[in-house]
Amino acid sequence: MEFKITLTEEDIKNYPNNYELGTFIKKHYIQYLSSKFDKCLTCGKESSYTDNSPVEDRVGYVEGLGQVCFEPNICKN
């Protein structure tokens, strides 16, 4: 499993020591683990996107419909 978090310069300034920054990152990791992964509406395969992944960062998301694969060699339908 891969977990990516983007830290801004402002985040680093708001958490001036390693302990506080580590706590901030750990909080986001726990939220990630407790999230459910969206499934392709066509074939039912679990996607790599959680239910709280930003829509604009997703591949294969159809607004008003949901997450689909858009990978013909993987999606069975």
PDB file of N, CA and C in Angstrom:
ATOM      1  N   MET A   1       0.850  -1.172   0.000  1.00  0.00           N
ATOM      2  CA  MET A   1       0.000   0.000   0.000  1.00  0.00           C
ATOM      3  C   MET A   1       0.896   1.234   0.000  1.00  0.00           C
ATOM      4  N   GLU A   2       0.501   2.189  -0.789  1.00  0.00           N
ATOM      5  CA  GLU A   2       1.260   3.431  -0.881  1.00  0.00           C
ATOM      6  C   GLU A   2       0.432   4.563  -0.307  1.00  0.00           C
ATOM      7  N   PHE A   3       1.049   5.372   0.509  1.00  0.00           N
ATOM      8  CA  PHE A   3       0.389   6.522   1.128  1.00  0.00           C
ATOM      9  C   PHE A   3       1.164   7.760   0.754  1.00  0.00           C
ATOM     10  N   LYS A   4       0.473   8.723   0.152  1.00  0.00           N
ATOM     11  CA  LYS A   4       1.124   9.975  -0.230  1.00  0.00           C
ATOM     12  C   LYS A   4       0.455  11.120   0.494  1.00  0.00           C
ATOM     13  N   ILE A   5       1.273  12.019   1.008  1.00  0.00           N
ATOM     14  CA  ILE A   5       0.761  13.232   1.635  1.00  0.00           C
ATOM     15  C   ILE A   5       1.580  14.393   1.093  1.00  0.00           C
ATOM     16  N   THR A   6       0.913  15.471   0.821  1.00  0.00           N
ATOM     17  CA  THR A   6       1.593  16.661   0.335  1.00  0.00           C
ATOM     18  C   THR A   6       1.684  17.666   1.468  1.00  0.00           C
ATOM     19  N   LEU A   7       2.892  18.073   1.781  1.00  0.00           N
ATOM     20  CA  LEU A   7       3.118  19.080   2.804  1.00  0.00           C
ATOM     21  C   LEU A   7       3.433  20.402   2.116  1.00  0.00           C
ATOM     22  N   THR A   8       2.792  21.422   2.577  1.00  0.00           N
ATOM     23  CA  THR A   8       3.077  22.751   2.052  1.00  0.00           C
ATOM     24  C   THR A   8       4.113  23.426   2.950  1.00  0.00           C
ATOM     25  N   GLU A   9       4.654  24.501   2.462  1.00  0.00           N
ATOM     26  CA  GLU A   9       5.594  25.276   3.274  1.00  0.00           C
ATOM     27  C   GLU A   9       4.888  25.779   4.531  1.00  0.00           C
ATOM     28  N   GLU A  10       3.609  26.133   4.376  1.00  0.00           N
ATOM     29  CA  GLU A  10       2.821  26.608   5.519  1.00  0.00           C
ATOM     30  C   GLU A  10       2.659  25.504   6.571  1.00  0.00           C
ATOM     31  N   ASP A  11       2.436  24.253   6.128  1.00  0.00           N
ATOM     32  CA  ASP A  11       2.339  23.130   7.064  1.00  0.00           C
ATOM     33  C   ASP A  11       3.621  23.016   7.883  1.00  0.00           C
ATOM     34  N   ILE A  12       4.741  23.094   7.198  1.00  0.00           N
ATOM     35  CA  ILE A  12       6.032  22.948   7.889  1.00  0.00           C
ATOM     36  C   ILE A  12       6.249  24.095   8.870  1.00  0.00           C
ATOM     37  N   LYS A  13       5.832  25.294   8.505  1.00  0.00           N
ATOM     38  CA  LYS A  13       5.962  26.433   9.416  1.00  0.00           C
ATOM     39  C   LYS A  13       5.022  26.303  10.617  1.00  0.00           C
ATOM     40  N   ASN A  14       3.836  25.723  10.403  1.00  0.00           N
ATOM     41  CA  ASN A  14       2.870  25.564  11.493  1.00  0.00           C
ATOM     42  C   ASN A  14       3.273  24.480  12.487  1.00  0.00           C
ATOM     43  N   TYR A  15       4.138  23.567  12.073  1.00  0.00           N
ATOM     44  CA  TYR A  15       4.605  22.494  12.952  1.00  0.00           C
ATOM     45  C   TYR A  15       6.121  22.582  13.026  1.00  0.00           C
ATOM     46  N   PRO A  16       6.633  23.458  13.890  1.00  0.00           N
ATOM     47  CA  PRO A  16       8.059  23.800  13.882  1.00  0.00           C
ATOM     48  C   PRO A  16       9.005  22.702  14.364  1.00  0.00           C
ATOM     49  N   ASN A  17       8.483  21.685  15.061  1.00  0.00           N
ATOM     50  CA  ASN A  17       9.413  20.634  15.472  1.00  0.00           C
ATOM     51  C   ASN A  17       8.976  19.292  14.905  1.00  0.00           C
ATOM     52  N   ASN A  18       9.892  18.347  14.885  1.00  0.00           N
ATOM     53  CA  ASN A  18       9.647  17.048  14.252  1.00  0.00           C
ATOM     54  C   ASN A  18       8.507  16.281  14.907  1.00  0.00           C
ATOM     55  N   TYR A  19       8.358  16.387  16.212  1.00  0.00           N
ATOM     56  CA  TYR A  19       7.293  15.674  16.902  1.00  0.00           C
ATOM     57  C   TYR A  19       5.929  16.153  16.421  1.00  0.00           C
ATOM     58  N   GLU A  20       5.722  17.463  16.380  1.00  0.00           N
ATOM     59  CA  GLU A  20       4.434  18.015  15.950  1.00  0.00           C
ATOM     60  C   GLU A  20       4.154  17.695  14.481  1.00  0.00           C
ATOM     61  N   LEU A  21       5.179  17.775  13.632  1.00  0.00           N
ATOM     62  CA  LEU A  21       5.008  17.455  12.217  1.00  0.00           C
ATOM     63  C   LEU A  21       4.692  15.969  12.048  1.00  0.00           C
ATOM     64  N   GLY A  22       5.364  15.132  12.803  1.00  0.00           N
ATOM     65  CA  GLY A  22       5.093  13.693  12.762  1.00  0.00           C
ATOM     66  C   GLY A  22       3.678  13.372  13.215  1.00  0.00           C
ATOM     67  N   THR A  23       3.193  14.059  14.236  1.00  0.00           N
ATOM     68  CA  THR A  23       1.826  13.872  14.717  1.00  0.00           C
ATOM     69  C   THR A  23       0.826  14.284  13.639  1.00  0.00           C
ATOM     70  N   PHE A  24       1.107  15.373  12.959  1.00  0.00           N
ATOM     71  CA  PHE A  24       0.258  15.852  11.867  1.00  0.00           C
ATOM     72  C   PHE A  24       0.178  14.798  10.756  1.00  0.00           C
ATOM     73  N   ILE A  25       1.316  14.247  10.361  1.00  0.00           N
ATOM     74  CA  ILE A  25       1.361  13.235   9.308  1.00  0.00           C
ATOM     75  C   ILE A  25       0.648  11.964   9.756  1.00  0.00           C
ATOM     76  N   LYS A  26       0.880  11.540  10.987  1.00  0.00           N
ATOM     77  CA  LYS A  26       0.242  10.329  11.519  1.00  0.00           C
ATOM     78  C   LYS A  26      -1.283  10.471  11.531  1.00  0.00           C
ATOM     79  N   LYS A  27      -1.776  11.659  11.860  1.00  0.00           N
ATOM     80  CA  LYS A  27      -3.221  11.912  11.863  1.00  0.00           C
ATOM     81  C   LYS A  27      -3.797  11.696  10.465  1.00  0.00           C
ATOM     82  N   HIS A  28      -3.120  12.187   9.452  1.00  0.00           N
ATOM     83  CA  HIS A  28      -3.582  12.004   8.080  1.00  0.00           C
ATOM     84  C   HIS A  28      -3.491  10.545   7.645  1.00  0.00           C
ATOM     85  N   TYR A  29      -2.482   9.840   8.118  1.00  0.00           N
ATOM     86  CA  TYR A  29      -2.329   8.418   7.800  1.00  0.00           C
ATOM     87  C   TYR A  29      -3.470   7.609   8.405  1.00  0.00           C
ATOM     88  N   ILE A  30      -3.834   7.899   9.630  1.00  0.00           N
ATOM     89  CA  ILE A  30      -4.940   7.195  10.284  1.00  0.00           C
ATOM     90  C   ILE A  30      -6.248   7.475   9.563  1.00  0.00           C
ATOM     91  N   GLN A  31      -6.462   8.714   9.125  1.00  0.00           N
ATOM     92  CA  GLN A  31      -7.658   9.043   8.346  1.00  0.00           C
ATOM     93  C   GLN A  31      -7.668   8.257   7.044  1.00  0.00           C
ATOM     94  N   TYR A  32      -6.506   8.108   6.424  1.00  0.00           N
ATOM     95  CA  TYR A  32      -6.389   7.351   5.180  1.00  0.00           C
ATOM     96  C   TYR A  32      -6.760   5.888   5.404  1.00  0.00           C
ATOM     97  N   LEU A  33      -6.247   5.297   6.474  1.00  0.00           N
ATOM     98  CA  LEU A  33      -6.532   3.892   6.759  1.00  0.00           C
ATOM     99  C   LEU A  33      -8.000   3.641   7.064  1.00  0.00           C
ATOM    100  N   SER A  34      -8.656   4.618   7.674  1.00  0.00           N
ATOM    101  CA  SER A  34     -10.054   4.436   8.039  1.00  0.00           C
ATOM    102  C   SER A  34     -11.001   4.750   6.880  1.00  0.00           C
ATOM    103  N   SER A  35     -10.465   5.226   5.766  1.00  0.00           N
ATOM    104  CA  SER A  35     -11.280   5.533   4.596  1.00  0.00           C
ATOM    105  C   SER A  35     -11.591   4.260   3.822  1.00  0.00           C
ATOM    106  N   LYS A  36     -12.675   4.278   3.097  1.00  0.00           N
ATOM    107  CA  LYS A  36     -13.035   3.159   2.239  1.00  0.00           C
ATOM    108  C   LYS A  36     -12.569   3.473   0.826  1.00  0.00           C
ATOM    109  N   PHE A  37     -12.126   2.428   0.128  1.00  0.00           N
ATOM    110  CA  PHE A  37     -11.691   2.612  -1.247  1.00  0.00           C
ATOM    111  C   PHE A  37     -12.901   2.515  -2.169  1.00  0.00           C
ATOM    112  N   ASP A  38     -12.989   3.440  -3.128  1.00  0.00           N
ATOM    113  CA  ASP A  38     -14.072   3.408  -4.103  1.00  0.00           C
ATOM    114  C   ASP A  38     -13.866   2.229  -5.042  1.00  0.00           C
ATOM    115  N   LYS A  39     -14.970   1.702  -5.549  1.00  0.00           N
ATOM    116  CA  LYS A  39     -14.916   0.603  -6.504  1.00  0.00           C
ATOM    117  C   LYS A  39     -15.407   1.082  -7.856  1.00  0.00           C
ATOM    118  N   CYS A  40     -14.912   0.432  -8.899  1.00  0.00           N
ATOM    119  CA  CYS A  40     -15.352   0.734 -10.253  1.00  0.00           C
ATOM    120  C   CYS A  40     -16.839   0.402 -10.353  1.00  0.00           C
ATOM    121  N   LEU A  41     -17.618   1.349 -10.835  1.00  0.00           N
ATOM    122  CA  LEU A  41     -19.054   1.131 -10.974  1.00  0.00           C
ATOM    123  C   LEU A  41     -19.372   0.131 -12.080  1.00  0.00           C
ATOM    124  N   THR A  42     -18.424  -0.113 -12.975  1.00  0.00           N
ATOM    125  CA  THR A  42     -18.648  -1.032 -14.083  1.00  0.00           C
ATOM    126  C   THR A  42     -18.309  -2.474 -13.707  1.00  0.00           C
ATOM    127  N   CYS A  43     -17.106  -2.702 -13.170  1.00  0.00           N
ATOM    128  CA  CYS A  43     -16.672  -4.082 -12.892  1.00  0.00           C
ATOM    129  C   CYS A  43     -16.599  -4.424 -11.408  1.00  0.00           C
ATOM    130  N   GLY A  44     -16.637  -3.409 -10.538  1.00  0.00           N
ATOM    131  CA  GLY A  44     -16.601  -3.662  -9.100  1.00  0.00           C
ATOM    132  C   GLY A  44     -15.208  -3.766  -8.498  1.00  0.00           C
ATOM    133  N   LYS A  45     -14.156  -3.647  -9.337  1.00  0.00           N
ATOM    134  CA  LYS A  45     -12.772  -3.716  -8.838  1.00  0.00           C
ATOM    135  C   LYS A  45     -12.478  -2.515  -7.951  1.00  0.00           C
ATOM    136  N   GLU A  46     -11.793  -2.754  -6.834  1.00  0.00           N
ATOM    137  CA  GLU A  46     -11.434  -1.670  -5.922  1.00  0.00           C
ATOM    138  C   GLU A  46     -10.420  -0.746  -6.578  1.00  0.00           C
ATOM    139  N   SER A  47     -10.684   0.551  -6.522  1.00  0.00           N
ATOM    140  CA  SER A  47      -9.765   1.530  -7.103  1.00  0.00           C
ATOM    141  C   SER A  47      -8.695   1.894  -6.085  1.00  0.00           C
ATOM    142  N   SER A  48      -7.754   2.701  -6.507  1.00  0.00           N
ATOM    143  CA  SER A  48      -6.705   3.161  -5.595  1.00  0.00           C
ATOM    144  C   SER A  48      -7.099   4.453  -4.895  1.00  0.00           C
ATOM    145  N   TYR A  49      -8.349   4.893  -5.083  1.00  0.00           N
ATOM    146  CA  TYR A  49      -8.826   6.148  -4.514  1.00  0.00           C
ATOM    147  C   TYR A  49      -9.748   5.883  -3.325  1.00  0.00           C
ATOM    148  N   THR A  50      -9.544   6.633  -2.255  1.00  0.00           N
ATOM    149  CA  THR A  50     -10.428   6.521  -1.103  1.00  0.00           C
ATOM    150  C   THR A  50     -11.631   7.422  -1.292  1.00  0.00           C
ATOM    151  N   ASP A  51     -12.626   7.215  -0.451  1.00  0.00           N
ATOM    152  CA  ASP A  51     -13.844   8.007  -0.568  1.00  0.00           C
ATOM    153  C   ASP A  51     -13.617   9.489  -0.304  1.00  0.00           C
ATOM    154  N   ASN A  52     -12.475   9.838   0.292  1.00  0.00           N
ATOM    155  CA  ASN A  52     -12.192  11.258   0.523  1.00  0.00           C
ATOM    156  C   ASN A  52     -11.066  11.795  -0.371  1.00  0.00           C
ATOM    157  N   SER A  53     -10.699  11.039  -1.428  1.00  0.00           N
ATOM    158  CA  SER A  53      -9.711  11.524  -2.403  1.00  0.00           C
ATOM    159  C   SER A  53     -10.316  12.666  -3.210  1.00  0.00           C
ATOM    160  N   PRO A  54      -9.577  13.739  -3.429  1.00  0.00           N
ATOM    161  CA  PRO A  54     -10.119  14.851  -4.220  1.00  0.00           C
ATOM    162  C   PRO A  54     -10.469  14.397  -5.636  1.00  0.00           C
ATOM    163  N   VAL A  55     -11.637  14.765  -6.092  1.00  0.00           N
ATOM    164  CA  VAL A  55     -12.134  14.368  -7.414  1.00  0.00           C
ATOM    165  C   VAL A  55     -11.192  14.842  -8.519  1.00  0.00           C
ATOM    166  N   GLU A  56     -10.650  16.035  -8.370  1.00  0.00           N
ATOM    167  CA  GLU A  56      -9.788  16.582  -9.425  1.00  0.00           C
ATOM    168  C   GLU A  56      -8.459  15.838  -9.552  1.00  0.00           C
ATOM    169  N   ASP A  57      -8.093  15.015  -8.564  1.00  0.00           N
ATOM    170  CA  ASP A  57      -6.852  14.245  -8.621  1.00  0.00           C
ATOM    171  C   ASP A  57      -7.063  12.831  -9.159  1.00  0.00           C
ATOM    172  N   ARG A  58      -8.297  12.439  -9.427  1.00  0.00           N
ATOM    173  CA  ARG A  58      -8.611  11.073  -9.832  1.00  0.00           C
ATOM    174  C   ARG A  58      -8.571  10.895 -11.349  1.00  0.00           C
ATOM    175  N   VAL A  59      -8.256   9.669 -11.747  1.00  0.00           N
ATOM    176  CA  VAL A  59      -8.373   9.262 -13.144  1.00  0.00           C
ATOM    177  C   VAL A  59      -9.571   8.324 -13.198  1.00  0.00           C
ATOM    178  N   GLY A  60     -10.481   8.559 -14.134  1.00  0.00           N
ATOM    179  CA  GLY A  60     -11.621   7.673 -14.295  1.00  0.00           C
ATOM    180  C   GLY A  60     -12.833   8.055 -13.480  1.00  0.00           C
ATOM    181  N   TYR A  61     -12.851   9.249 -12.915  1.00  0.00           N
ATOM    182  CA  TYR A  61     -14.019   9.681 -12.151  1.00  0.00           C
ATOM    183  C   TYR A  61     -14.965  10.439 -13.081  1.00  0.00           C
ATOM    184  N   VAL A  62     -16.245  10.050 -13.070  1.00  0.00           N
ATOM    185  CA  VAL A  62     -17.248  10.709 -13.890  1.00  0.00           C
ATOM    186  C   VAL A  62     -18.191  11.450 -12.948  1.00  0.00           C
ATOM    187  N   GLU A  63     -18.209  12.767 -13.073  1.00  0.00           N
ATOM    188  CA  GLU A  63     -19.051  13.582 -12.201  1.00  0.00           C
ATOM    189  C   GLU A  63     -20.515  13.197 -12.373  1.00  0.00           C
ATOM    190  N   GLY A  64     -21.198  13.018 -11.266  1.00  0.00           N
ATOM    191  CA  GLY A  64     -22.599  12.631 -11.283  1.00  0.00           C
ATOM    192  C   GLY A  64     -22.797  11.122 -11.362  1.00  0.00           C
ATOM    193  N   LEU A  65     -21.724  10.382 -11.652  1.00  0.00           N
ATOM    194  CA  LEU A  65     -21.800   8.928 -11.748  1.00  0.00           C
ATOM    195  C   LEU A  65     -20.934   8.274 -10.682  1.00  0.00           C
ATOM    196  N   GLY A  66     -19.652   8.568 -10.705  1.00  0.00           N
ATOM    197  CA  GLY A  66     -18.734   8.003  -9.722  1.00  0.00           C
ATOM    198  C   GLY A  66     -17.464   7.493 -10.366  1.00  0.00           C
ATOM    199  N   GLN A  67     -16.782   6.605  -9.652  1.00  0.00           N
ATOM    200  CA  GLN A  67     -15.491   6.088 -10.081  1.00  0.00           C
ATOM    201  C   GLN A  67     -15.671   4.904 -11.027  1.00  0.00           C
ATOM    202  N   VAL A  68     -14.964   4.932 -12.150  1.00  0.00           N
ATOM    203  CA  VAL A  68     -14.895   3.801 -13.068  1.00  0.00           C
ATOM    204  C   VAL A  68     -13.432   3.589 -13.450  1.00  0.00           C
ATOM    205  N   CYS A  69     -13.122   2.418 -13.985  1.00  0.00           N
ATOM    206  CA  CYS A  69     -11.728   2.078 -14.305  1.00  0.00           C
ATOM    207  C   CYS A  69     -11.156   2.890 -15.464  1.00  0.00           C
ATOM    208  N   PHE A  70     -11.858   2.903 -16.585  1.00  0.00           N
ATOM    209  CA  PHE A  70     -11.337   3.478 -17.819  1.00  0.00           C
ATOM    210  C   PHE A  70     -10.043   2.797 -18.238  1.00  0.00           C
ATOM    211  N   GLU A  71      -9.915   1.516 -17.885  1.00  0.00           N
ATOM    212  CA  GLU A  71      -8.768   0.716 -18.296  1.00  0.00           C
ATOM    213  C   GLU A  71      -9.316  -0.547 -18.943  1.00  0.00           C
ATOM    214  N   PRO A  72      -9.493  -0.575 -20.267  1.00  0.00           N
ATOM    215  CA  PRO A  72     -10.133  -1.703 -20.927  1.00  0.00           C
ATOM    216  C   PRO A  72      -9.464  -3.039 -20.684  1.00  0.00           C
ATOM    217  N   ASN A  73      -8.157  -3.041 -20.489  1.00  0.00           N
ATOM    218  CA  ASN A  73      -7.461  -4.305 -20.249  1.00  0.00           C
ATOM    219  C   ASN A  73      -7.632  -4.809 -18.821  1.00  0.00           C
ATOM    220  N   ILE A  74      -8.160  -3.970 -17.931  1.00  0.00           N
ATOM    221  CA  ILE A  74      -8.386  -4.369 -16.544  1.00  0.00           C
ATOM    222  C   ILE A  74      -9.886  -4.501 -16.263  1.00  0.00           C
ATOM    223  N   CYS A  75     -10.666  -3.532 -16.716  1.00  0.00           N
ATOM    224  CA  CYS A  75     -12.092  -3.535 -16.464  1.00  0.00           C
ATOM    225  C   CYS A  75     -12.762  -4.616 -17.305  1.00  0.00           C
ATOM    226  N   LYS A  76     -13.529  -5.469 -16.647  1.00  0.00           N
ATOM    227  CA  LYS A  76     -14.137  -6.618 -17.331  1.00  0.00           C
ATOM    228  C   LYS A  76     -15.406  -6.276 -18.086  1.00  0.00           C
ATOM    229  N   ASN A  77     -15.983  -5.116 -17.839  1.00  0.00           N
ATOM    230  CA  ASN A  77     -17.249  -4.762 -18.510  1.00  0.00           C
ATOM    231  C   ASN A  77     -17.020  -3.629 -19.461  1.00  0.00           C
TER     232      ASN A  77
END
